[in-house]
């Protein structure tokens, strides 16, 4: 019995330590992105992984996971491509299952995903789906997505 208790205490200690390190990495990532004038597709993907409660990995590993979830299906952006509102809106609309606008339900394009996200208050209606997101805007949007999807990070 004593060995089991010691084992559980050690397991608990390592779990807390791993969670703490992961949280610290996430905070550092958010601080780095916040000051950027232009967010990249890679940073948007990284944020999605975080909001979904997964531990971010390499870009290719993150894309493979999001493709499996259907979030980045058909999106062929490179890692350092500036993140456009439309591309990010398409990812969000798929993640949040925003099927409340008829045109998005029919066409499922970046244009109508952006319209669905503005209708749901996730993104500002000022601008277009071609605008590039800044780091601050990316953080603000992902905070809303996290709240809508029930996340706590």
N, C-alpha and C. Protein backbone atom coordinates (compact mmCIF):
# COMPACT_ATOMS: atom_id res chain seq x y z
N UNK A 1 0.82 -1.20 0.00
CA UNK A 1 0.00 0.00 0.00
C UNK A 1 0.86 1.25 0.00
N UNK A 2 1.94 1.21 0.78
CA UNK A 2 2.83 2.37 0.87
C UNK A 2 3.47 2.66 -0.49
N UNK A 3 3.83 1.62 -1.25
CA UNK A 3 4.44 1.79 -2.56
C UNK A 3 3.45 2.45 -3.53
N UNK A 4 2.19 2.08 -3.44
CA UNK A 4 1.17 2.65 -4.32
C UNK A 4 1.00 4.14 -4.03
N UNK A 5 0.97 4.51 -2.77
CA UNK A 5 0.83 5.92 -2.39
C UNK A 5 2.04 6.73 -2.88
N UNK A 6 3.25 6.18 -2.71
CA UNK A 6 4.45 6.87 -3.18
C UNK A 6 4.40 7.02 -4.70
N UNK A 7 3.98 5.96 -5.40
CA UNK A 7 3.87 6.02 -6.86
C UNK A 7 2.88 7.10 -7.28
N UNK A 8 1.73 7.17 -6.62
CA UNK A 8 0.72 8.18 -6.97
C UNK A 8 1.22 9.60 -6.70
N UNK A 9 1.96 9.78 -5.62
CA UNK A 9 2.53 11.10 -5.32
C UNK A 9 3.54 11.52 -6.38
N UNK A 10 4.39 10.59 -6.80
CA UNK A 10 5.38 10.89 -7.84
C UNK A 10 4.67 11.21 -9.16
N UNK A 11 3.67 10.43 -9.49
CA UNK A 11 2.90 10.65 -10.71
C UNK A 11 2.22 12.03 -10.67
N UNK A 12 1.65 12.37 -9.53
CA UNK A 12 1.00 13.67 -9.36
C UNK A 12 2.00 14.80 -9.53
N UNK A 13 3.19 14.66 -8.94
CA UNK A 13 4.23 15.69 -9.04
C UNK A 13 4.64 15.92 -10.49
N UNK A 14 4.89 14.85 -11.22
CA UNK A 14 5.31 14.99 -12.62
C UNK A 14 4.19 15.56 -13.50
N UNK A 15 2.97 15.23 -13.21
CA UNK A 15 1.84 15.77 -13.97
C UNK A 15 1.74 17.27 -13.77
N UNK A 16 1.85 17.73 -12.55
CA UNK A 16 1.79 19.17 -12.26
C UNK A 16 2.97 19.89 -12.92
N UNK A 17 4.15 19.31 -12.86
CA UNK A 17 5.32 19.93 -13.44
C UNK A 17 5.17 20.03 -14.97
N UNK A 18 4.68 18.99 -15.62
CA UNK A 18 4.48 19.02 -17.07
C UNK A 18 3.43 20.05 -17.45
N UNK A 19 2.35 20.13 -16.70
CA UNK A 19 1.29 21.10 -16.97
C UNK A 19 1.83 22.52 -16.82
N UNK A 20 2.64 22.75 -15.80
CA UNK A 20 3.21 24.06 -15.54
C UNK A 20 4.12 24.49 -16.69
N UNK A 21 4.95 23.58 -17.18
CA UNK A 21 5.85 23.90 -18.28
C UNK A 21 5.06 24.21 -19.55
N UNK A 22 4.00 23.44 -19.80
CA UNK A 22 3.17 23.66 -20.98
C UNK A 22 2.50 25.02 -20.90
N UNK A 23 1.98 25.40 -19.74
CA UNK A 23 1.34 26.68 -19.56
C UNK A 23 2.34 27.82 -19.76
N UNK A 24 3.54 27.66 -19.25
CA UNK A 24 4.57 28.68 -19.40
C UNK A 24 4.94 28.86 -20.87
N UNK A 25 5.05 27.75 -21.62
CA UNK A 25 5.33 27.84 -23.06
C UNK A 25 4.21 28.58 -23.79
N UNK A 26 2.95 28.28 -23.43
CA UNK A 26 1.81 28.94 -24.06
C UNK A 26 1.82 30.44 -23.79
N UNK A 27 2.13 30.83 -22.57
CA UNK A 27 2.18 32.25 -22.21
C UNK A 27 3.29 32.95 -22.98
N UNK A 28 4.45 32.31 -23.08
CA UNK A 28 5.56 32.91 -23.84
C UNK A 28 5.18 33.07 -25.31
N UNK A 29 4.52 32.06 -25.87
CA UNK A 29 4.08 32.14 -27.26
C UNK A 29 3.11 33.30 -27.46
N UNK A 30 2.15 33.44 -26.58
CA UNK A 30 1.16 34.52 -26.68
C UNK A 30 1.85 35.88 -26.59
N UNK A 31 2.80 36.02 -25.69
CA UNK A 31 3.53 37.29 -25.57
C UNK A 31 4.32 37.63 -26.83
N UNK A 32 4.91 36.61 -27.46
CA UNK A 32 5.66 36.83 -28.70
C UNK A 32 4.73 37.28 -29.83
N UNK A 33 3.58 36.63 -29.94
CA UNK A 33 2.65 36.92 -31.03
C UNK A 33 1.99 38.29 -30.84
N UNK A 34 1.74 38.68 -29.61
CA UNK A 34 1.00 39.91 -29.33
C UNK A 34 1.63 41.15 -29.95
N UNK A 35 2.93 41.18 -30.05
CA UNK A 35 3.63 42.36 -30.55
C UNK A 35 3.84 42.36 -32.07
N UNK A 36 3.45 41.31 -32.74
CA UNK A 36 3.70 41.21 -34.18
C UNK A 36 2.73 42.04 -34.99
N UNK A 37 3.27 42.67 -36.03
CA UNK A 37 2.44 43.45 -36.94
C UNK A 37 1.63 42.54 -37.86
N UNK A 38 2.22 41.39 -38.24
CA UNK A 38 1.55 40.43 -39.10
C UNK A 38 1.69 39.03 -38.51
N UNK A 39 0.56 38.40 -38.26
CA UNK A 39 0.58 37.01 -37.78
C UNK A 39 0.78 36.08 -38.97
N UNK A 40 1.38 34.93 -38.72
CA UNK A 40 1.59 33.95 -39.79
C UNK A 40 0.59 32.80 -39.67
N UNK A 41 0.47 32.06 -40.75
CA UNK A 41 -0.41 30.90 -40.77
C UNK A 41 0.01 29.90 -39.70
N UNK A 42 1.30 29.73 -39.51
CA UNK A 42 1.82 28.82 -38.50
C UNK A 42 1.36 29.21 -37.09
N UNK A 43 1.35 30.51 -36.81
CA UNK A 43 0.91 30.98 -35.49
C UNK A 43 -0.58 30.75 -35.30
N UNK A 44 -1.36 30.93 -36.35
CA UNK A 44 -2.79 30.64 -36.28
C UNK A 44 -3.06 29.17 -36.01
N UNK A 45 -2.30 28.32 -36.66
CA UNK A 45 -2.42 26.87 -36.46
C UNK A 45 -2.04 26.51 -35.03
N UNK A 46 -0.94 27.10 -34.56
CA UNK A 46 -0.47 26.85 -33.19
C UNK A 46 -1.55 27.24 -32.17
N UNK A 47 -2.19 28.40 -32.39
CA UNK A 47 -3.26 28.84 -31.49
C UNK A 47 -4.43 27.87 -31.50
N UNK A 48 -4.79 27.37 -32.66
CA UNK A 48 -5.90 26.43 -32.73
C UNK A 48 -5.60 25.17 -31.93
N UNK A 49 -4.39 24.69 -32.04
CA UNK A 49 -3.99 23.50 -31.27
C UNK A 49 -4.13 23.78 -29.77
N UNK A 50 -3.68 24.95 -29.34
CA UNK A 50 -3.78 25.32 -27.93
C UNK A 50 -5.23 25.38 -27.47
N UNK A 51 -6.08 26.02 -28.25
CA UNK A 51 -7.49 26.20 -27.87
C UNK A 51 -8.21 24.86 -27.82
N UNK A 52 -7.78 23.92 -28.65
CA UNK A 52 -8.40 22.60 -28.66
C UNK A 52 -7.92 21.72 -27.50
N UNK A 53 -7.00 22.27 -26.69
CA UNK A 53 -6.54 21.54 -25.51
C UNK A 53 -5.43 20.55 -25.80
N UNK A 54 -4.84 20.64 -26.97
CA UNK A 54 -3.74 19.75 -27.33
C UNK A 54 -2.41 20.45 -27.09
N UNK A 55 -1.36 19.68 -27.06
CA UNK A 55 -0.03 20.24 -26.90
C UNK A 55 0.56 20.50 -28.28
N UNK A 56 0.88 21.77 -28.59
CA UNK A 56 1.41 22.08 -29.91
C UNK A 56 2.73 21.38 -30.19
N UNK A 57 2.90 20.97 -31.44
CA UNK A 57 4.14 20.34 -31.87
C UNK A 57 4.73 21.11 -33.03
N UNK A 58 5.33 20.39 -33.95
CA UNK A 58 5.87 21.03 -35.15
C UNK A 58 4.72 21.46 -36.04
N UNK A 59 5.01 22.33 -37.00
CA UNK A 59 3.99 22.81 -37.92
C UNK A 59 3.32 21.65 -38.66
N UNK A 60 4.12 20.73 -39.18
CA UNK A 60 3.55 19.61 -39.94
C UNK A 60 2.68 18.71 -39.06
N UNK A 61 3.10 18.50 -37.83
CA UNK A 61 2.30 17.68 -36.90
C UNK A 61 0.98 18.39 -36.57
N UNK A 62 1.05 19.70 -36.35
CA UNK A 62 -0.16 20.48 -36.06
C UNK A 62 -1.13 20.46 -37.24
N UNK A 63 -0.61 20.64 -38.46
CA UNK A 63 -1.45 20.63 -39.66
C UNK A 63 -2.08 19.25 -39.85
N UNK A 64 -1.32 18.21 -39.62
CA UNK A 64 -1.87 16.86 -39.76
C UNK A 64 -3.03 16.65 -38.79
N UNK A 65 -2.89 17.12 -37.56
CA UNK A 65 -3.96 16.99 -36.58
C UNK A 65 -5.20 17.79 -37.01
N UNK A 66 -4.99 19.05 -37.44
CA UNK A 66 -6.12 19.88 -37.85
C UNK A 66 -6.77 19.36 -39.13
N UNK A 67 -5.99 18.77 -40.03
CA UNK A 67 -6.57 18.15 -41.22
C UNK A 67 -7.47 16.97 -40.83
N UNK A 68 -6.99 16.19 -39.88
CA UNK A 68 -7.78 15.04 -39.40
C UNK A 68 -9.10 15.51 -38.78
N UNK A 69 -9.07 16.66 -38.12
CA UNK A 69 -10.27 17.23 -37.51
C UNK A 69 -11.15 17.96 -38.53
N UNK A 70 -10.64 18.14 -39.75
CA UNK A 70 -11.39 18.81 -40.81
C UNK A 70 -11.31 20.33 -40.78
N UNK A 71 -10.44 20.87 -39.96
CA UNK A 71 -10.35 22.32 -39.78
C UNK A 71 -9.54 22.98 -40.90
N UNK A 72 -8.46 22.36 -41.32
CA UNK A 72 -7.62 22.94 -42.37
C UNK A 72 -7.76 22.19 -43.69
N UNK A 73 -8.79 21.42 -43.83
CA UNK A 73 -9.02 20.64 -45.06
C UNK A 73 -9.07 21.60 -46.26
N UNK A 74 -8.20 21.34 -47.25
CA UNK A 74 -8.18 22.15 -48.46
C UNK A 74 -7.41 23.45 -48.35
N UNK A 75 -6.91 23.80 -47.19
CA UNK A 75 -6.12 25.02 -47.01
C UNK A 75 -4.65 24.64 -47.22
N UNK A 76 -4.04 25.23 -48.22
CA UNK A 76 -2.65 24.87 -48.55
C UNK A 76 -1.73 26.08 -48.41
N UNK A 77 -1.68 26.63 -47.23
CA UNK A 77 -0.80 27.77 -46.95
C UNK A 77 0.53 27.24 -46.44
N UNK A 78 1.60 27.97 -46.73
CA UNK A 78 2.89 27.59 -46.17
C UNK A 78 3.02 28.17 -44.76
N UNK A 79 4.01 27.70 -44.07
CA UNK A 79 4.20 28.03 -42.66
C UNK A 79 4.31 29.53 -42.39
N UNK A 80 5.05 30.25 -43.19
CA UNK A 80 5.32 31.66 -42.93
C UNK A 80 4.45 32.62 -43.74
N UNK A 81 3.40 32.12 -44.35
CA UNK A 81 2.47 32.97 -45.08
C UNK A 81 1.72 33.86 -44.10
N UNK A 82 1.58 35.16 -44.43
CA UNK A 82 0.78 36.03 -43.56
C UNK A 82 -0.65 35.49 -43.44
N UNK A 83 -1.20 35.54 -42.25
CA UNK A 83 -2.52 34.97 -41.96
C UNK A 83 -3.61 35.97 -42.36
N UNK A 84 -4.44 35.59 -43.29
CA UNK A 84 -5.54 36.44 -43.75
C UNK A 84 -6.81 36.13 -42.95
N UNK A 85 -7.64 37.14 -42.81
CA UNK A 85 -8.90 36.98 -42.08
C UNK A 85 -9.75 35.85 -42.63
N UNK A 86 -9.84 35.75 -43.95
CA UNK A 86 -10.67 34.73 -44.57
C UNK A 86 -10.21 33.32 -44.27
N UNK A 87 -8.91 33.10 -44.37
CA UNK A 87 -8.35 31.78 -44.08
C UNK A 87 -8.62 31.40 -42.63
N UNK A 88 -8.38 32.33 -41.73
CA UNK A 88 -8.59 32.05 -40.31
C UNK A 88 -10.07 31.90 -39.99
N UNK A 89 -10.91 32.70 -40.66
CA UNK A 89 -12.36 32.59 -40.46
C UNK A 89 -12.87 31.22 -40.90
N UNK A 90 -12.32 30.70 -42.00
CA UNK A 90 -12.72 29.37 -42.47
C UNK A 90 -12.38 28.30 -41.44
N UNK A 91 -11.20 28.41 -40.85
CA UNK A 91 -10.80 27.46 -39.81
C UNK A 91 -11.73 27.56 -38.60
N UNK A 92 -12.04 28.80 -38.19
CA UNK A 92 -12.91 29.00 -37.02
C UNK A 92 -14.33 28.51 -37.28
N UNK A 93 -14.85 28.83 -38.47
CA UNK A 93 -16.22 28.43 -38.80
C UNK A 93 -16.35 26.91 -38.82
N UNK A 94 -15.33 26.23 -39.28
CA UNK A 94 -15.35 24.76 -39.26
C UNK A 94 -15.26 24.24 -37.84
N UNK A 95 -14.39 24.84 -37.04
CA UNK A 95 -14.21 24.39 -35.66
C UNK A 95 -15.48 24.61 -34.83
N UNK A 96 -16.11 25.77 -35.01
CA UNK A 96 -17.30 26.11 -34.23
C UNK A 96 -18.59 25.62 -34.88
N UNK A 97 -18.47 25.02 -36.06
CA UNK A 97 -19.61 24.50 -36.81
C UNK A 97 -20.65 25.60 -37.05
N UNK A 98 -20.18 26.71 -37.62
CA UNK A 98 -21.04 27.87 -37.92
C UNK A 98 -21.83 27.61 -39.20
N UNK A 99 -22.90 26.90 -39.10
CA UNK A 99 -23.73 26.59 -40.27
C UNK A 99 -24.98 27.46 -40.30
N UNK A 100 -24.94 28.60 -39.58
CA UNK A 100 -26.15 29.42 -39.48
C UNK A 100 -26.33 30.39 -40.64
N UNK A 101 -25.35 30.52 -41.54
CA UNK A 101 -25.55 31.33 -42.72
C UNK A 101 -25.67 30.41 -43.93
N UNK A 102 -26.67 30.65 -44.71
CA UNK A 102 -26.99 29.78 -45.84
C UNK A 102 -25.85 29.68 -46.84
N UNK A 103 -25.24 30.81 -47.19
CA UNK A 103 -24.18 30.79 -48.19
C UNK A 103 -22.95 30.02 -47.71
N UNK A 104 -22.62 30.12 -46.43
CA UNK A 104 -21.49 29.34 -45.92
C UNK A 104 -21.83 27.86 -45.93
N UNK A 105 -23.05 27.53 -45.59
CA UNK A 105 -23.47 26.14 -45.59
C UNK A 105 -23.38 25.53 -47.00
N UNK A 106 -23.69 26.34 -48.01
CA UNK A 106 -23.66 25.84 -49.39
C UNK A 106 -22.24 25.81 -49.94
N UNK A 107 -21.51 26.93 -49.83
CA UNK A 107 -20.23 27.07 -50.51
C UNK A 107 -19.01 26.77 -49.64
N UNK A 108 -19.07 27.01 -48.35
CA UNK A 108 -17.98 26.81 -47.40
C UNK A 108 -16.66 27.40 -47.92
N UNK A 109 -16.69 28.70 -48.24
CA UNK A 109 -15.50 29.41 -48.71
C UNK A 109 -15.06 30.42 -47.65
N UNK A 110 -13.87 30.97 -47.86
CA UNK A 110 -13.33 31.96 -46.93
C UNK A 110 -14.23 33.19 -46.84
N UNK A 111 -14.77 33.61 -47.96
CA UNK A 111 -15.63 34.80 -47.99
C UNK A 111 -16.84 34.63 -47.07
N UNK A 112 -17.53 33.52 -47.21
CA UNK A 112 -18.75 33.32 -46.43
C UNK A 112 -18.43 32.87 -44.99
N UNK A 113 -17.27 32.27 -44.78
CA UNK A 113 -16.84 31.97 -43.42
C UNK A 113 -16.59 33.27 -42.66
N UNK A 114 -15.97 34.25 -43.35
CA UNK A 114 -15.73 35.55 -42.73
C UNK A 114 -17.06 36.22 -42.36
N UNK A 115 -18.03 36.13 -43.27
CA UNK A 115 -19.36 36.70 -43.00
C UNK A 115 -20.02 35.99 -41.81
N UNK A 116 -19.86 34.68 -41.71
CA UNK A 116 -20.44 33.92 -40.59
C UNK A 116 -19.77 34.33 -39.27
N UNK A 117 -18.45 34.53 -39.30
CA UNK A 117 -17.73 34.92 -38.08
C UNK A 117 -18.09 36.33 -37.64
N UNK A 118 -18.32 37.24 -38.60
CA UNK A 118 -18.74 38.58 -38.21
C UNK A 118 -20.17 38.56 -37.68
N UNK A 119 -21.02 37.73 -38.26
CA UNK A 119 -22.41 37.62 -37.79
C UNK A 119 -22.47 37.07 -36.36
N UNK A 120 -21.51 36.22 -35.99
CA UNK A 120 -21.47 35.64 -34.65
C UNK A 120 -20.65 36.47 -33.67
N UNK A 121 -20.14 37.63 -34.11
CA UNK A 121 -19.40 38.52 -33.22
C UNK A 121 -17.98 38.07 -32.93
N UNK A 122 -17.46 37.15 -33.71
CA UNK A 122 -16.10 36.65 -33.49
C UNK A 122 -15.08 37.61 -34.10
N UNK A 123 -15.40 38.14 -35.26
CA UNK A 123 -14.52 39.06 -35.96
C UNK A 123 -15.26 40.37 -36.22
N UNK A 124 -14.48 41.42 -36.42
CA UNK A 124 -15.05 42.73 -36.73
C UNK A 124 -15.53 42.75 -38.17
N UNK A 125 -16.63 43.44 -38.41
CA UNK A 125 -17.15 43.53 -39.77
C UNK A 125 -16.40 44.55 -40.61
N UNK A 126 -15.53 45.32 -39.98
CA UNK A 126 -14.72 46.30 -40.71
C UNK A 126 -13.55 45.58 -41.37
N UNK A 127 -13.45 45.71 -42.68
CA UNK A 127 -12.38 45.06 -43.42
C UNK A 127 -12.95 43.98 -44.32
N UNK A 128 -12.04 43.16 -44.82
CA UNK A 128 -12.48 42.08 -45.71
C UNK A 128 -11.73 40.80 -45.38
N UNK A 129 -12.10 39.74 -46.06
CA UNK A 129 -11.46 38.44 -45.83
C UNK A 129 -10.02 38.43 -46.33
N UNK A 130 -9.61 39.45 -47.09
CA UNK A 130 -8.25 39.52 -47.63
C UNK A 130 -7.28 40.23 -46.69
N UNK A 131 -7.78 40.89 -45.64
CA UNK A 131 -6.92 41.62 -44.71
C UNK A 131 -6.04 40.64 -43.92
N UNK A 132 -4.82 41.10 -43.64
CA UNK A 132 -3.89 40.29 -42.85
C UNK A 132 -4.08 40.62 -41.37
N UNK A 133 -4.13 39.59 -40.54
CA UNK A 133 -4.32 39.77 -39.10
C UNK A 133 -3.01 40.14 -38.42
N UNK A 134 -3.10 41.01 -37.44
CA UNK A 134 -1.94 41.31 -36.60
C UNK A 134 -1.92 40.30 -35.45
N UNK A 135 -0.83 40.27 -34.72
CA UNK A 135 -0.74 39.36 -33.58
C UNK A 135 -1.78 39.66 -32.51
N UNK A 136 -2.01 40.94 -32.25
CA UNK A 136 -3.00 41.34 -31.25
C UNK A 136 -4.41 40.92 -31.65
N UNK A 137 -4.73 41.09 -32.94
CA UNK A 137 -6.05 40.67 -33.42
C UNK A 137 -6.22 39.15 -33.30
N UNK A 138 -5.15 38.42 -33.62
CA UNK A 138 -5.18 36.96 -33.51
C UNK A 138 -5.48 36.52 -32.08
N UNK A 139 -4.85 37.15 -31.12
CA UNK A 139 -5.08 36.80 -29.72
C UNK A 139 -6.51 37.13 -29.31
N UNK A 140 -7.00 38.30 -29.72
CA UNK A 140 -8.37 38.70 -29.39
C UNK A 140 -9.39 37.72 -29.97
N UNK A 141 -9.19 37.34 -31.22
CA UNK A 141 -10.12 36.42 -31.88
C UNK A 141 -10.07 35.05 -31.22
N UNK A 142 -8.87 34.55 -30.92
CA UNK A 142 -8.77 33.22 -30.32
C UNK A 142 -9.33 33.20 -28.91
N UNK A 143 -9.31 34.32 -28.22
CA UNK A 143 -9.95 34.39 -26.91
C UNK A 143 -11.44 34.17 -27.05
N UNK A 144 -12.04 34.79 -28.07
CA UNK A 144 -13.48 34.62 -28.32
C UNK A 144 -13.79 33.19 -28.73
N UNK A 145 -12.94 32.61 -29.58
CA UNK A 145 -13.15 31.23 -30.03
C UNK A 145 -13.05 30.27 -28.85
N UNK A 146 -12.09 30.52 -27.97
CA UNK A 146 -11.93 29.68 -26.79
C UNK A 146 -13.16 29.73 -25.90
N UNK A 147 -13.70 30.94 -25.72
CA UNK A 147 -14.91 31.09 -24.90
C UNK A 147 -16.09 30.39 -25.56
N UNK A 148 -16.24 30.51 -26.89
CA UNK A 148 -17.36 29.90 -27.58
C UNK A 148 -17.28 28.38 -27.62
N UNK A 149 -16.02 27.87 -27.65
CA UNK A 149 -15.87 26.41 -27.71
C UNK A 149 -15.74 25.78 -26.33
N UNK A 150 -15.81 26.61 -25.29
CA UNK A 150 -15.79 26.07 -23.93
C UNK A 150 -14.40 25.85 -23.38
N UNK A 151 -13.38 26.44 -24.02
CA UNK A 151 -12.00 26.28 -23.53
C UNK A 151 -11.73 27.18 -22.35
N UNK A 152 -10.63 26.90 -21.68
CA UNK A 152 -10.27 27.70 -20.51
C UNK A 152 -8.86 28.22 -20.56
N UNK A 153 -8.15 28.10 -21.69
CA UNK A 153 -6.77 28.59 -21.78
C UNK A 153 -6.73 29.90 -22.48
